[in-house]
Amino acid sequence: MHRLAYRDRTLVNNVLRARYGRFTPRLRFEKLHRLLTRRGVPLHEIPEPSPNGPYFRTFWQPDSQVALSVIGTYGEYCTPENLRVGDVYSVQAPMAAEEVEWRKVRVAG
């Protein structure tokens, strides 16, 4: 996701563009979350271990085991300059329930 903000048209090949249309340089988490909520797809915020927190926030969808990393706050040298707070930074899959629990325990200390 974060590479799309560079506006390099070669990052998404023509086959994907033909099938899915235009890829915007930024995906706002608020918009994505609103669309998923309307469809009944829950997202759960999971703790972000240091040193990533508070710069990044992670949200997890248990049924699909997909995790979204979102810019939580700007930090020089910690977050990309071409993304804003609230932009989706990455989409990761799979993130199993065991990893989510491991993160919770690790952050709790």
C-alpha atoms as a PDB file:
ATOM      1  CA  MET A   1       0.000   0.000   0.000  1.00  0.00           C
ATOM      2  CA  HIS A   2       2.661   2.505   1.006  1.00  0.00           C
ATOM      3  CA  ARG A   3       4.376   2.160  -2.373  1.00  0.00           C
ATOM      4  CA  LEU A   4       1.283   3.423  -4.195  1.00  0.00           C
ATOM      5  CA  ALA A   5       1.865   6.852  -2.630  1.00  0.00           C
ATOM      6  CA  TYR A   6       4.938   7.219  -4.842  1.00  0.00           C
ATOM      7  CA  ARG A   7       2.530   7.322  -7.809  1.00  0.00           C
ATOM      8  CA  ASP A   8       4.634   4.905  -9.824  1.00  0.00           C
ATOM      9  CA  ARG A   9       2.189   3.490 -12.380  1.00  0.00           C
ATOM     10  CA  THR A  10       4.358   0.403 -12.895  1.00  0.00           C
ATOM     11  CA  LEU A  11       3.653  -0.852  -9.346  1.00  0.00           C
ATOM     12  CA  VAL A  12       0.228  -2.121 -10.378  1.00  0.00           C
ATOM     13  CA  ASN A  13       0.312  -4.016 -13.638  1.00  0.00           C
ATOM     14  CA  ASN A  14      -2.213  -3.534 -16.425  1.00  0.00           C
ATOM     15  CA  VAL A  15      -4.036  -6.804 -15.725  1.00  0.00           C
ATOM     16  CA  LEU A  16      -4.884  -5.669 -12.183  1.00  0.00           C
ATOM     17  CA  ARG A  17      -5.854  -2.202 -13.397  1.00  0.00           C
ATOM     18  CA  ALA A  18      -8.127  -3.679 -16.066  1.00  0.00           C
ATOM     19  CA  ARG A  19      -9.864  -5.918 -13.542  1.00  0.00           C
ATOM     20  CA  TYR A  20     -10.099  -3.604 -10.518  1.00  0.00           C
ATOM     21  CA  GLY A  21      -9.825  -0.112 -11.946  1.00  0.00           C
ATOM     22  CA  ARG A  22      -7.818   2.791 -10.669  1.00  0.00           C
ATOM     23  CA  PHE A  23      -5.573   2.394  -7.614  1.00  0.00           C
ATOM     24  CA  THR A  24      -5.467   5.567  -5.557  1.00  0.00           C
ATOM     25  CA  PRO A  25      -2.165   6.652  -3.999  1.00  0.00           C
ATOM     26  CA  ARG A  26      -3.623   6.573  -0.500  1.00  0.00           C
ATOM     27  CA  LEU A  27      -6.223   4.444   1.232  1.00  0.00           C
ATOM     28  CA  ARG A  28      -7.821   6.146   4.210  1.00  0.00           C
ATOM     29  CA  PHE A  29      -8.456   3.700   7.048  1.00  0.00           C
ATOM     30  CA  GLU A  30     -11.586   5.588   8.083  1.00  0.00           C
ATOM     31  CA  LYS A  31     -13.156   4.973   4.674  1.00  0.00           C
ATOM     32  CA  LEU A  32     -12.160   1.301   4.567  1.00  0.00           C
ATOM     33  CA  HIS A  33     -13.369   0.737   8.137  1.00  0.00           C
ATOM     34  CA  ARG A  34     -16.719   2.362   7.334  1.00  0.00           C
ATOM     35  CA  LEU A  35     -17.187   0.137   4.243  1.00  0.00           C
ATOM     36  CA  LEU A  36     -16.279  -3.024   6.170  1.00  0.00           C
ATOM     37  CA  THR A  37     -18.600  -2.100   9.046  1.00  0.00           C
ATOM     38  CA  ARG A  38     -21.509  -1.677   6.596  1.00  0.00           C
ATOM     39  CA  ARG A  39     -20.815  -5.195   5.327  1.00  0.00           C
ATOM     40  CA  GLY A  40     -20.687  -6.626   8.844  1.00  0.00           C
ATOM     41  CA  VAL A  41     -16.947  -7.307   8.753  1.00  0.00           C
ATOM     42  CA  PRO A  42     -15.417  -6.546  12.163  1.00  0.00           C
ATOM     43  CA  LEU A  43     -11.913  -5.243  12.706  1.00  0.00           C
ATOM     44  CA  HIS A  44     -10.164  -5.540  16.055  1.00  0.00           C
ATOM     45  CA  GLU A  45      -7.285  -3.311  17.067  1.00  0.00           C
ATOM     46  CA  ILE A  46      -4.366  -5.285  18.403  1.00  0.00           C
ATOM     47  CA  PRO A  47      -1.479  -3.806  20.373  1.00  0.00           C
ATOM     48  CA  GLU A  48       1.530  -2.626  18.438  1.00  0.00           C
ATOM     49  CA  PRO A  49       4.829  -3.525  20.129  1.00  0.00           C
ATOM     50  CA  SER A  50       7.529  -0.923  20.644  1.00  0.00           C
ATOM     51  CA  PRO A  51       9.187   0.719  18.819  1.00  0.00           C
ATOM     52  CA  ASN A  52       6.333   0.778  16.260  1.00  0.00           C
ATOM     53  CA  GLY A  53       3.690   2.158  18.618  1.00  0.00           C
ATOM     54  CA  PRO A  54       2.421   4.873  18.532  1.00  0.00           C
ATOM     55  CA  TYR A  55       3.550   5.432  14.937  1.00  0.00           C
ATOM     56  CA  PHE A  56       1.568   2.477  13.621  1.00  0.00           C
ATOM     57  CA  ARG A  57      -1.739   0.910  14.639  1.00  0.00           C
ATOM     58  CA  THR A  58      -2.703  -2.616  13.643  1.00  0.00           C
ATOM     59  CA  PHE A  59      -6.236  -3.864  12.996  1.00  0.00           C
ATOM     60  CA  TRP A  60      -7.071  -7.540  12.528  1.00  0.00           C
ATOM     61  CA  GLN A  61      -9.956  -9.296  10.815  1.00  0.00           C
ATOM     62  CA  PRO A  62     -10.263 -12.729  12.491  1.00  0.00           C
ATOM     63  CA  ASP A  63     -12.272 -14.558   9.808  1.00  0.00           C
ATOM     64  CA  SER A  64      -9.884 -13.710   6.964  1.00  0.00           C
ATOM     65  CA  GLN A  65      -6.784 -13.442   9.206  1.00  0.00           C
ATOM     66  CA  VAL A  66      -5.857 -10.200   7.471  1.00  0.00           C
ATOM     67  CA  ALA A  67      -4.098  -7.420   9.361  1.00  0.00           C
ATOM     68  CA  LEU A  68      -3.984  -3.763   8.373  1.00  0.00           C
ATOM     69  CA  SER A  69      -1.201  -1.474   9.477  1.00  0.00           C
ATOM     70  CA  VAL A  70      -2.272   2.170   9.724  1.00  0.00           C
ATOM     71  CA  ILE A  71      -0.213   5.321  10.305  1.00  0.00           C
ATOM     72  CA  GLY A  72      -1.085   6.282  13.896  1.00  0.00           C
ATOM     73  CA  THR A  73       1.028   9.392  14.294  1.00  0.00           C
ATOM     74  CA  TYR A  74       3.800  11.005  12.314  1.00  0.00           C
ATOM     75  CA  GLY A  75       7.369  10.453  13.427  1.00  0.00           C
ATOM     76  CA  GLU A  76      10.415  11.694  11.572  1.00  0.00           C
ATOM     77  CA  TYR A  77      12.417   8.666  10.399  1.00  0.00           C
ATOM     78  CA  CYS A  78       9.632   6.385  11.731  1.00  0.00           C
ATOM     79  CA  THR A  79       6.851   6.849   9.190  1.00  0.00           C
ATOM     80  CA  PRO A  80       6.903   7.521   5.443  1.00  0.00           C
ATOM     81  CA  GLU A  81       6.783  11.193   4.510  1.00  0.00           C
ATOM     82  CA  ASN A  82       4.392  10.541   1.635  1.00  0.00           C
ATOM     83  CA  LEU A  83       1.632   9.119   3.869  1.00  0.00           C
ATOM     84  CA  ARG A  84      -0.606  10.917   6.337  1.00  0.00           C
ATOM     85  CA  VAL A  85      -1.911   9.926   9.743  1.00  0.00           C
ATOM     86  CA  GLY A  86      -4.866   7.610   9.108  1.00  0.00           C
ATOM     87  CA  ASP A  87      -3.544   6.147   5.831  1.00  0.00           C
ATOM     88  CA  VAL A  88      -3.313   2.372   5.467  1.00  0.00           C
ATOM     89  CA  TYR A  89       0.390   1.497   5.369  1.00  0.00           C
ATOM     90  CA  SER A  90       0.174  -2.210   4.604  1.00  0.00           C
ATOM     91  CA  VAL A  91      -2.075  -5.248   4.332  1.00  0.00           C
ATOM     92  CA  GLN A  92      -0.643  -8.487   5.729  1.00  0.00           C
ATOM     93  CA  ALA A  93      -1.986 -12.002   5.509  1.00  0.00           C
ATOM     94  CA  PRO A  94      -2.180 -14.372   7.124  1.00  0.00           C
ATOM     95  CA  MET A  95      -1.938 -13.221  10.721  1.00  0.00           C
ATOM     96  CA  ALA A  96      -3.078 -16.182  12.788  1.00  0.00           C
ATOM     97  CA  ALA A  97      -4.904 -15.872  16.096  1.00  0.00           C
ATOM     98  CA  GLU A  98      -1.781 -17.204  17.839  1.00  0.00           C
ATOM     99  CA  GLU A  99       0.249 -14.226  16.619  1.00  0.00           C
ATOM    100  CA  VAL A 100      -2.459 -11.829  17.794  1.00  0.00           C
ATOM    101  CA  GLU A 101      -2.372 -13.414  21.265  1.00  0.00           C
ATOM    102  CA  TRP A 102       1.440 -13.345  21.252  1.00  0.00           C
ATOM    103  CA  ARG A 103       1.365  -9.601  20.497  1.00  0.00           C
ATOM    104  CA  LYS A 104      -1.108  -8.969  23.300  1.00  0.00           C
ATOM    105  CA  VAL A 105       1.074 -10.827  25.819  1.00  0.00           C
ATOM    106  CA  ARG A 106       4.259  -9.170  24.588  1.00  0.00           C
ATOM    107  CA  VAL A 107       2.832  -5.661  24.875  1.00  0.00           C
ATOM    108  CA  ALA A 108       1.217  -6.351  28.276  1.00  0.00           C
ATOM    109  CA  GLY A 109       4.668  -7.192  29.522  1.00  0.00           C
END
